[in-house]
Amino acid sequence: DSIDRLDAILVFTLAERFKHTQAVGRLKAEHGLPPSDPTREADQIARLERLAAEANLDPAFAKKFLAFIISEVIRHHERHLENGRPPNPTHEQE
């Protein structure tokens, strides 16, 4: 039961995180900002590695986990950017 509860916490926490990053993606698209911010991403990975070490979690695992999440966030941000662009005149005829 404990593991099931923790799994549920992970899923709901990820869902909440993605709600916030979706909002960031919309703002980035509205303001013409790039989907990726390598400096922020590197800072986040370093922070998570430190937190993982404090929690006795393998920092390499934490880094892989956050890198996966960041790649998904960037993919979502790219989608917002594509959806926010004016129509491409060459595709309007299709």
PDB file of N, CA and C in Angstrom:
ATOM      1  N   ASP A   1       0.821  -1.206   0.000  1.00  0.00           N
ATOM      2  CA  ASP A   1       0.000   0.000   0.000  1.00  0.00           C
ATOM      3  C   ASP A   1       0.861   1.265   0.000  1.00  0.00           C
ATOM      4  N   SER A   2       1.945   1.228   0.752  1.00  0.00           N
ATOM      5  CA  SER A   2       2.817   2.406   0.823  1.00  0.00           C
ATOM      6  C   SER A   2       3.391   2.740  -0.552  1.00  0.00           C
ATOM      7  N   ILE A   3       3.824   1.717  -1.262  1.00  0.00           N
ATOM      8  CA  ILE A   3       4.396   1.948  -2.601  1.00  0.00           C
ATOM      9  C   ILE A   3       3.327   2.481  -3.542  1.00  0.00           C
ATOM     10  N   ASP A   4       2.123   1.940  -3.462  1.00  0.00           N
ATOM     11  CA  ASP A   4       1.030   2.421  -4.311  1.00  0.00           C
ATOM     12  C   ASP A   4       0.722   3.893  -4.034  1.00  0.00           C
ATOM     13  N   ARG A   5       0.713   4.279  -2.772  1.00  0.00           N
ATOM     14  CA  ARG A   5       0.464   5.687  -2.419  1.00  0.00           C
ATOM     15  C   ARG A   5       1.582   6.576  -2.953  1.00  0.00           C
ATOM     16  N   LEU A   6       2.812   6.114  -2.806  1.00  0.00           N
ATOM     17  CA  LEU A   6       3.941   6.912  -3.305  1.00  0.00           C
ATOM     18  C   LEU A   6       3.898   7.040  -4.825  1.00  0.00           C
ATOM     19  N   ASP A   7       3.517   5.965  -5.511  1.00  0.00           N
ATOM     20  CA  ASP A   7       3.367   6.042  -6.969  1.00  0.00           C
ATOM     21  C   ASP A   7       2.300   7.063  -7.345  1.00  0.00           C
ATOM     22  N   ALA A   8       1.195   7.069  -6.618  1.00  0.00           N
ATOM     23  CA  ALA A   8       0.133   8.040  -6.884  1.00  0.00           C
ATOM     24  C   ALA A   8       0.646   9.465  -6.648  1.00  0.00           C
ATOM     25  N   ILE A   9       1.411   9.656  -5.589  1.00  0.00           N
ATOM     26  CA  ILE A   9       1.983  10.980  -5.310  1.00  0.00           C
ATOM     27  C   ILE A   9       2.885  11.416  -6.462  1.00  0.00           C
ATOM     28  N   LEU A  10       3.715  10.498  -6.949  1.00  0.00           N
ATOM     29  CA  LEU A  10       4.594  10.825  -8.081  1.00  0.00           C
ATOM     30  C   LEU A  10       3.788  11.250  -9.301  1.00  0.00           C
ATOM     31  N   VAL A  11       2.756  10.498  -9.621  1.00  0.00           N
ATOM     32  CA  VAL A  11       1.949  10.802 -10.811  1.00  0.00           C
ATOM     33  C   VAL A  11       1.262  12.158 -10.666  1.00  0.00           C
ATOM     34  N   PHE A  12       0.628  12.398  -9.525  1.00  0.00           N
ATOM     35  CA  PHE A  12      -0.070  13.662  -9.341  1.00  0.00           C
ATOM     36  C   PHE A  12       0.904  14.840  -9.262  1.00  0.00           C
ATOM     37  N   THR A  13       2.088  14.612  -8.695  1.00  0.00           N
ATOM     38  CA  THR A  13       3.108  15.659  -8.642  1.00  0.00           C
ATOM     39  C   THR A  13       3.599  15.996 -10.047  1.00  0.00           C
ATOM     40  N   LEU A  14       3.834  14.975 -10.857  1.00  0.00           N
ATOM     41  CA  LEU A  14       4.246  15.222 -12.244  1.00  0.00           C
ATOM     42  C   LEU A  14       3.159  15.956 -13.016  1.00  0.00           C
ATOM     43  N   ALA A  15       1.903  15.570 -12.801  1.00  0.00           N
ATOM     44  CA  ALA A  15       0.796  16.252 -13.477  1.00  0.00           C
ATOM     45  C   ALA A  15       0.769  17.730 -13.099  1.00  0.00           C
ATOM     46  N   GLU A  16       0.955  18.023 -11.833  1.00  0.00           N
ATOM     47  CA  GLU A  16       0.972  19.420 -11.373  1.00  0.00           C
ATOM     48  C   GLU A  16       2.156  20.170 -11.976  1.00  0.00           C
ATOM     49  N   ARG A  17       3.307  19.529 -12.021  1.00  0.00           N
ATOM     50  CA  ARG A  17       4.494  20.155 -12.600  1.00  0.00           C
ATOM     51  C   ARG A  17       4.244  20.487 -14.066  1.00  0.00           C
ATOM     52  N   PHE A  18       3.642  19.547 -14.808  1.00  0.00           N
ATOM     53  CA  PHE A  18       3.391  19.789 -16.224  1.00  0.00           C
ATOM     54  C   PHE A  18       2.334  20.868 -16.442  1.00  0.00           C
ATOM     55  N   LYS A  19       1.386  21.038 -15.524  1.00  0.00           N
ATOM     56  CA  LYS A  19       0.432  22.150 -15.639  1.00  0.00           C
ATOM     57  C   LYS A  19       1.184  23.478 -15.624  1.00  0.00           C
ATOM     58  N   HIS A  20       2.154  23.576 -14.725  1.00  0.00           N
ATOM     59  CA  HIS A  20       2.928  24.819 -14.618  1.00  0.00           C
ATOM     60  C   HIS A  20       3.826  25.018 -15.839  1.00  0.00           C
ATOM     61  N   THR A  21       4.471  23.935 -16.290  1.00  0.00           N
ATOM     62  CA  THR A  21       5.364  24.103 -17.442  1.00  0.00           C
ATOM     63  C   THR A  21       4.571  24.363 -18.721  1.00  0.00           C
ATOM     64  N   GLN A  22       3.320  23.878 -18.793  1.00  0.00           N
ATOM     65  CA  GLN A  22       2.478  24.195 -19.952  1.00  0.00           C
ATOM     66  C   GLN A  22       2.202  25.699 -19.980  1.00  0.00           C
ATOM     67  N   ALA A  23       1.924  26.280 -18.817  1.00  0.00           N
ATOM     68  CA  ALA A  23       1.690  27.723 -18.739  1.00  0.00           C
ATOM     69  C   ALA A  23       2.941  28.484 -19.172  1.00  0.00           C
ATOM     70  N   VAL A  24       4.103  28.016 -18.749  1.00  0.00           N
ATOM     71  CA  VAL A  24       5.367  28.641 -19.159  1.00  0.00           C
ATOM     72  C   VAL A  24       5.523  28.531 -20.677  1.00  0.00           C
ATOM     73  N   GLY A  25       5.184  27.378 -21.230  1.00  0.00           N
ATOM     74  CA  GLY A  25       5.278  27.185 -22.679  1.00  0.00           C
ATOM     75  C   GLY A  25       4.399  28.156 -23.445  1.00  0.00           C
ATOM     76  N   ARG A  26       3.187  28.374 -22.944  1.00  0.00           N
ATOM     77  CA  ARG A  26       2.299  29.345 -23.602  1.00  0.00           C
ATOM     78  C   ARG A  26       2.892  30.753 -23.547  1.00  0.00           C
ATOM     79  N   LEU A  27       3.437  31.120 -22.385  1.00  0.00           N
ATOM     80  CA  LEU A  27       4.051  32.446 -22.251  1.00  0.00           C
ATOM     81  C   LEU A  27       5.253  32.597 -23.179  1.00  0.00           C
ATOM     82  N   LYS A  28       6.079  31.546 -23.249  1.00  0.00           N
ATOM     83  CA  LYS A  28       7.239  31.607 -24.134  1.00  0.00           C
ATOM     84  C   LYS A  28       6.789  31.790 -25.577  1.00  0.00           C
ATOM     85  N   ALA A  29       5.770  31.062 -25.991  1.00  0.00           N
ATOM     86  CA  ALA A  29       5.272  31.174 -27.367  1.00  0.00           C
ATOM     87  C   ALA A  29       4.719  32.573 -27.629  1.00  0.00           C
ATOM     88  N   GLU A  30       3.957  33.114 -26.675  1.00  0.00           N
ATOM     89  CA  GLU A  30       3.378  34.450 -26.826  1.00  0.00           C
ATOM     90  C   GLU A  30       4.449  35.521 -26.976  1.00  0.00           C
ATOM     91  N   HIS A  31       5.579  35.320 -26.310  1.00  0.00           N
ATOM     92  CA  HIS A  31       6.636  36.333 -26.307  1.00  0.00           C
ATOM     93  C   HIS A  31       7.808  35.984 -27.227  1.00  0.00           C
ATOM     94  N   GLY A  32       7.633  34.934 -28.021  1.00  0.00           N
ATOM     95  CA  GLY A  32       8.657  34.567 -28.987  1.00  0.00           C
ATOM     96  C   GLY A  32       9.954  34.072 -28.366  1.00  0.00           C
ATOM     97  N   LEU A  33       9.868  33.490 -27.190  1.00  0.00           N
ATOM     98  CA  LEU A  33      11.058  32.985 -26.525  1.00  0.00           C
ATOM     99  C   LEU A  33      11.325  31.541 -26.955  1.00  0.00           C
ATOM    100  N   PRO A  34      12.572  31.123 -26.943  1.00  0.00           N
ATOM    101  CA  PRO A  34      12.878  29.751 -27.356  1.00  0.00           C
ATOM    102  C   PRO A  34      12.320  28.731 -26.364  1.00  0.00           C
ATOM    103  N   PRO A  35      11.956  27.555 -26.858  1.00  0.00           N
ATOM    104  CA  PRO A  35      11.405  26.517 -25.981  1.00  0.00           C
ATOM    105  C   PRO A  35      12.394  26.020 -24.934  1.00  0.00           C
ATOM    106  N   SER A  36      13.670  26.083 -25.245  1.00  0.00           N
ATOM    107  CA  SER A  36      14.692  25.550 -24.357  1.00  0.00           C
ATOM    108  C   SER A  36      15.500  26.685 -23.737  1.00  0.00           C
ATOM    109  N   ASP A  37      15.887  26.495 -22.483  1.00  0.00           N
ATOM    110  CA  ASP A  37      16.754  27.438 -21.784  1.00  0.00           C
ATOM    111  C   ASP A  37      17.882  26.615 -21.154  1.00  0.00           C
ATOM    112  N   PRO A  38      18.966  26.365 -21.931  1.00  0.00           N
ATOM    113  CA  PRO A  38      20.033  25.473 -21.468  1.00  0.00           C
ATOM    114  C   PRO A  38      20.645  25.856 -20.118  1.00  0.00           C
ATOM    115  N   THR A  39      20.755  27.138 -19.831  1.00  0.00           N
ATOM    116  CA  THR A  39      21.328  27.565 -18.550  1.00  0.00           C
ATOM    117  C   THR A  39      20.416  27.158 -17.399  1.00  0.00           C
ATOM    118  N   ARG A  40      19.132  27.442 -17.533  1.00  0.00           N
ATOM    119  CA  ARG A  40      18.168  27.056 -16.483  1.00  0.00           C
ATOM    120  C   ARG A  40      18.120  25.540 -16.327  1.00  0.00           C
ATOM    121  N   GLU A  41      18.128  24.836 -17.446  1.00  0.00           N
ATOM    122  CA  GLU A  41      18.066  23.375 -17.399  1.00  0.00           C
ATOM    123  C   GLU A  41      19.283  22.800 -16.674  1.00  0.00           C
ATOM    124  N   ALA A  42      20.464  23.335 -16.954  1.00  0.00           N
ATOM    125  CA  ALA A  42      21.683  22.868 -16.279  1.00  0.00           C
ATOM    126  C   ALA A  42      21.607  23.164 -14.783  1.00  0.00           C
ATOM    127  N   ASP A  43      21.093  24.346 -14.436  1.00  0.00           N
ATOM    128  CA  ASP A  43      20.933  24.705 -13.020  1.00  0.00           C
ATOM    129  C   ASP A  43      19.962  23.752 -12.322  1.00  0.00           C
ATOM    130  N   GLN A  44      18.867  23.422 -13.000  1.00  0.00           N
ATOM    131  CA  GLN A  44      17.874  22.517 -12.417  1.00  0.00           C
ATOM    132  C   GLN A  44      18.453  21.122 -12.207  1.00  0.00           C
ATOM    133  N   ILE A  45      19.208  20.646 -13.178  1.00  0.00           N
ATOM    134  CA  ILE A  45      19.816  19.321 -13.054  1.00  0.00           C
ATOM    135  C   ILE A  45      20.809  19.301 -11.901  1.00  0.00           C
ATOM    136  N   ALA A  46      21.628  20.328 -11.791  1.00  0.00           N
ATOM    137  CA  ALA A  46      22.596  20.395 -10.686  1.00  0.00           C
ATOM    138  C   ALA A  46      21.877  20.450  -9.341  1.00  0.00           C
ATOM    139  N   ARG A  47      20.799  21.220  -9.274  1.00  0.00           N
ATOM    140  CA  ARG A  47      20.023  21.322  -8.027  1.00  0.00           C
ATOM    141  C   ARG A  47      19.420  19.969  -7.663  1.00  0.00           C
ATOM    142  N   LEU A  48      18.862  19.272  -8.654  1.00  0.00           N
ATOM    143  CA  LEU A  48      18.262  17.977  -8.380  1.00  0.00           C
ATOM    144  C   LEU A  48      19.309  16.944  -7.962  1.00  0.00           C
ATOM    145  N   GLU A  49      20.489  17.025  -8.556  1.00  0.00           N
ATOM    146  CA  GLU A  49      21.560  16.112  -8.141  1.00  0.00           C
ATOM    147  C   GLU A  49      21.930  16.346  -6.672  1.00  0.00           C
ATOM    148  N   ARG A  50      21.985  17.619  -6.263  1.00  0.00           N
ATOM    149  CA  ARG A  50      22.280  17.934  -4.855  1.00  0.00           C
ATOM    150  C   ARG A  50      21.176  17.400  -3.941  1.00  0.00           C
ATOM    151  N   LEU A  51      19.921  17.636  -4.342  1.00  0.00           N
ATOM    152  CA  LEU A  51      18.799  17.137  -3.544  1.00  0.00           C
ATOM    153  C   LEU A  51      18.824  15.614  -3.456  1.00  0.00           C
ATOM    154  N   ALA A  52      19.123  14.967  -4.563  1.00  0.00           N
ATOM    155  CA  ALA A  52      19.185  13.506  -4.583  1.00  0.00           C
ATOM    156  C   ALA A  52      20.252  13.006  -3.620  1.00  0.00           C
ATOM    157  N   ALA A  53      21.401  13.642  -3.636  1.00  0.00           N
ATOM    158  CA  ALA A  53      22.482  13.235  -2.734  1.00  0.00           C
ATOM    159  C   ALA A  53      22.040  13.387  -1.278  1.00  0.00           C
ATOM    160  N   GLU A  54      21.349  14.496  -0.963  1.00  0.00           N
ATOM    161  CA  GLU A  54      20.850  14.710   0.396  1.00  0.00           C
ATOM    162  C   GLU A  54      19.830  13.645   0.791  1.00  0.00           C
ATOM    163  N   ALA A  55      19.058  13.157  -0.187  1.00  0.00           N
ATOM    164  CA  ALA A  55      18.005  12.176   0.084  1.00  0.00           C
ATOM    165  C   ALA A  55      18.500  10.738  -0.044  1.00  0.00           C
ATOM    166  N   ASN A  56      19.798  10.573  -0.266  1.00  0.00           N
ATOM    167  CA  ASN A  56      20.379   9.243  -0.484  1.00  0.00           C
ATOM    168  C   ASN A  56      19.777   8.532  -1.696  1.00  0.00           C
ATOM    169  N   LEU A  57      19.493   9.312  -2.733  1.00  0.00           N
ATOM    170  CA  LEU A  57      19.034   8.783  -4.014  1.00  0.00           C
ATOM    171  C   LEU A  57      20.191   8.925  -4.987  1.00  0.00           C
ATOM    172  N   ASP A  58      20.385   7.954  -5.814  1.00  0.00           N
ATOM    173  CA  ASP A  58      21.481   7.981  -6.784  1.00  0.00           C
ATOM    174  C   ASP A  58      21.384   9.247  -7.644  1.00  0.00           C
ATOM    175  N   PRO A  59      22.352  10.169  -7.527  1.00  0.00           N
ATOM    176  CA  PRO A  59      22.303  11.409  -8.315  1.00  0.00           C
ATOM    177  C   PRO A  59      22.278  11.151  -9.823  1.00  0.00           C
ATOM    178  N   ALA A  60      22.916  10.089 -10.283  1.00  0.00           N
ATOM    179  CA  ALA A  60      22.890   9.788 -11.724  1.00  0.00           C
ATOM    180  C   ALA A  60      21.475   9.448 -12.161  1.00  0.00           C
ATOM    181  N   PHE A  61      20.751   8.700 -11.334  1.00  0.00           N
ATOM    182  CA  PHE A  61      19.353   8.394 -11.647  1.00  0.00           C
ATOM    183  C   PHE A  61      18.527   9.668 -11.671  1.00  0.00           C
ATOM    184  N   ALA A  62      18.720  10.523 -10.663  1.00  0.00           N
ATOM    185  CA  ALA A  62      17.972  11.781 -10.582  1.00  0.00           C
ATOM    186  C   ALA A  62      18.239  12.638 -11.820  1.00  0.00           C
ATOM    187  N   LYS A  63      19.491  12.665 -12.254  1.00  0.00           N
ATOM    188  CA  LYS A  63      19.844  13.448 -13.437  1.00  0.00           C
ATOM    189  C   LYS A  63      19.131  12.910 -14.673  1.00  0.00           C
ATOM    190  N   LYS A  64      19.132  11.576 -14.845  1.00  0.00           N
ATOM    191  CA  LYS A  64      18.437  10.970 -15.988  1.00  0.00           C
ATOM    192  C   LYS A  64      16.947  11.251 -15.939  1.00  0.00           C
ATOM    193  N   PHE A  65      16.384  11.153 -14.754  1.00  0.00           N
ATOM    194  CA  PHE A  65      14.948  11.381 -14.572  1.00  0.00           C
ATOM    195  C   PHE A  65      14.587  12.811 -14.946  1.00  0.00           C
ATOM    196  N   LEU A  66      15.336  13.786 -14.436  1.00  0.00           N
ATOM    197  CA  LEU A  66      15.031  15.182 -14.749  1.00  0.00           C
ATOM    198  C   LEU A  66      15.307  15.484 -16.220  1.00  0.00           C
ATOM    199  N   ALA A  67      16.349  14.897 -16.781  1.00  0.00           N
ATOM    200  CA  ALA A  67      16.634  15.119 -18.207  1.00  0.00           C
ATOM    201  C   ALA A  67      15.459  14.645 -19.062  1.00  0.00           C
ATOM    202  N   PHE A  68      14.854  13.519 -18.685  1.00  0.00           N
ATOM    203  CA  PHE A  68      13.683  13.024 -19.403  1.00  0.00           C
ATOM    204  C   PHE A  68      12.518  14.007 -19.280  1.00  0.00           C
ATOM    205  N   ILE A  69      12.277  14.485 -18.068  1.00  0.00           N
ATOM    206  CA  ILE A  69      11.186  15.443 -17.854  1.00  0.00           C
ATOM    207  C   ILE A  69      11.442  16.719 -18.647  1.00  0.00           C
ATOM    208  N   ILE A  70      12.664  17.221 -18.612  1.00  0.00           N
ATOM    209  CA  ILE A  70      12.999  18.440 -19.353  1.00  0.00           C
ATOM    210  C   ILE A  70      12.771  18.237 -20.849  1.00  0.00           C
ATOM    211  N   SER A  71      13.142  17.078 -21.372  1.00  0.00           N
ATOM    212  CA  SER A  71      12.933  16.837 -22.811  1.00  0.00           C
ATOM    213  C   SER A  71      11.447  16.857 -23.149  1.00  0.00           C
ATOM    214  N   GLU A  72      10.604  16.339 -22.258  1.00  0.00           N
ATOM    215  CA  GLU A  72       9.154  16.381 -22.481  1.00  0.00           C
ATOM    216  C   GLU A  72       8.638  17.815 -22.414  1.00  0.00           C
ATOM    217  N   VAL A  73       9.137  18.580 -21.459  1.00  0.00           N
ATOM    218  CA  VAL A  73       8.723  19.977 -21.327  1.00  0.00           C
ATOM    219  C   VAL A  73       9.094  20.757 -22.586  1.00  0.00           C
ATOM    220  N   ILE A  74      10.304  20.557 -23.077  1.00  0.00           N
ATOM    221  CA  ILE A  74      10.742  21.250 -24.289  1.00  0.00           C
ATOM    222  C   ILE A  74       9.858  20.855 -25.460  1.00  0.00           C
ATOM    223  N   ARG A  75       9.519  19.584 -25.560  1.00  0.00           N
ATOM    224  CA  ARG A  75       8.637  19.121 -26.631  1.00  0.00           C
ATOM    225  C   ARG A  75       7.283  19.839 -26.545  1.00  0.00           C
ATOM    226  N   HIS A  76       6.748  19.983 -25.336  1.00  0.00           N
ATOM    227  CA  HIS A  76       5.490  20.707 -25.157  1.00  0.00           C
ATOM    228  C   HIS A  76       5.646  22.173 -25.532  1.00  0.00           C
ATOM    229  N   HIS A  77       6.763  22.778 -25.132  1.00  0.00           N
ATOM    230  CA  HIS A  77       6.994  24.187 -25.453  1.00  0.00           C
ATOM    231  C   HIS A  77       7.104  24.382 -26.966  1.00  0.00           C
ATOM    232  N   GLU A  78       7.752  23.446 -27.639  1.00  0.00           N
ATOM    233  CA  GLU A  78       7.852  23.524 -29.099  1.00  0.00           C
ATOM    234  C   GLU A  78       6.467  23.456 -29.731  1.00  0.00           C
ATOM    235  N   ARG A  79       5.620  22.605 -29.194  1.00  0.00           N
ATOM    236  CA  ARG A  79       4.248  22.496 -29.710  1.00  0.00           C
ATOM    237  C   ARG A  79       3.496  23.812 -29.525  1.00  0.00           C
ATOM    238  N   HIS A  80       3.655  24.447 -28.352  1.00  0.00           N
ATOM    239  CA  HIS A  80       3.016  25.752 -28.124  1.00  0.00           C
ATOM    240  C   HIS A  80       3.536  26.775 -29.125  1.00  0.00           C
ATOM    241  N   LEU A  81       4.829  26.756 -29.372  1.00  0.00           N
ATOM    242  CA  LEU A  81       5.431  27.693 -30.310  1.00  0.00           C
ATOM    243  C   LEU A  81       4.864  27.469 -31.709  1.00  0.00           C
ATOM    244  N   GLU A  82       4.770  26.210 -32.124  1.00  0.00           N
ATOM    245  CA  GLU A  82       4.213  25.902 -33.445  1.00  0.00           C
ATOM    246  C   GLU A  82       2.757  26.329 -33.538  1.00  0.00           C
ATOM    247  N   ASN A  83       1.985  26.099 -32.486  1.00  0.00           N
ATOM    248  CA  ASN A  83       0.569  26.472 -32.490  1.00  0.00           C
ATOM    249  C   ASN A  83       0.368  27.979 -32.426  1.00  0.00           C
ATOM    250  N   GLY A  84       1.357  28.689 -31.906  1.00  0.00           N
ATOM    251  CA  GLY A  84       1.243  30.135 -31.783  1.00  0.00           C
ATOM    252  C   GLY A  84       1.717  30.901 -32.992  1.00  0.00           C
ATOM    253  N   ARG A  85       2.336  30.207 -33.957  1.00  0.00           N
ATOM    254  CA  ARG A  85       2.844  30.872 -35.150  1.00  0.00           C
ATOM    255  C   ARG A  85       1.708  31.193 -36.104  1.00  0.00           C
ATOM    256  N   PRO A  86       1.851  32.288 -36.861  1.00  0.00           N
ATOM    257  CA  PRO A  86       0.837  32.572 -37.884  1.00  0.00           C
ATOM    258  C   PRO A  86       0.854  31.462 -38.930  1.00  0.00           C
ATOM    259  N   PRO A  87      -0.264  31.242 -39.608  1.00  0.00           N
ATOM    260  CA  PRO A  87      -0.314  30.183 -40.614  1.00  0.00           C
ATOM    261  C   PRO A  87       0.744  30.368 -41.685  1.00  0.00           C
ATOM    262  N   ASN A  88       1.290  29.273 -42.139  1.00  0.00           N
ATOM    263  CA  ASN A  88       2.274  29.288 -43.215  1.00  0.00           C
ATOM    264  C   ASN A  88       1.516  29.405 -44.529  1.00  0.00           C
ATOM    265  N   PRO A  89       1.769  30.461 -45.323  1.00  0.00           N
ATOM    266  CA  PRO A  89       0.994  30.663 -46.562  1.00  0.00           C
ATOM    267  C   PRO A  89       1.074  29.473 -47.511  1.00  0.00           C
ATOM    268  N   THR A  90       2.162  28.745 -47.513  1.00  0.00           N
ATOM    269  CA  THR A  90       2.285  27.612 -48.433  1.00  0.00           C
ATOM    270  C   THR A  90       1.387  26.459 -48.018  1.00  0.00           C
ATOM    271  N   HIS A  91       0.951  26.415 -46.733  1.00  0.00           N
ATOM    272  CA  HIS A  91       0.095  25.343 -46.272  1.00  0.00           C
ATOM    273  C   HIS A  91      -1.383  25.722 -46.294  1.00  0.00           C
ATOM    274  N   GLU A  92      -1.703  27.005 -46.500  1.00  0.00           N
ATOM    275  CA  GLU A  92      -3.092  27.430 -46.484  1.00  0.00           C
ATOM    276  C   GLU A  92      -3.882  26.825 -47.632  1.00  0.00           C
ATOM    277  N   GLN A  93      -3.220  26.510 -48.725  1.00  0.00           N
ATOM    278  CA  GLN A  93      -3.915  25.983 -49.888  1.00  0.00           C
ATOM    279  C   GLN A  93      -4.235  24.506 -49.725  1.00  0.00           C
ATOM    280  N   GLU A  94      -3.597  23.834 -48.824  1.00  0.00           N
ATOM    281  CA  GLU A  94      -3.798  22.399 -48.642  1.00  0.00           C
ATOM    282  C   GLU A  94      -5.140  22.103 -48.007  1.00  0.00           C
TER     283      GLU A  94
END
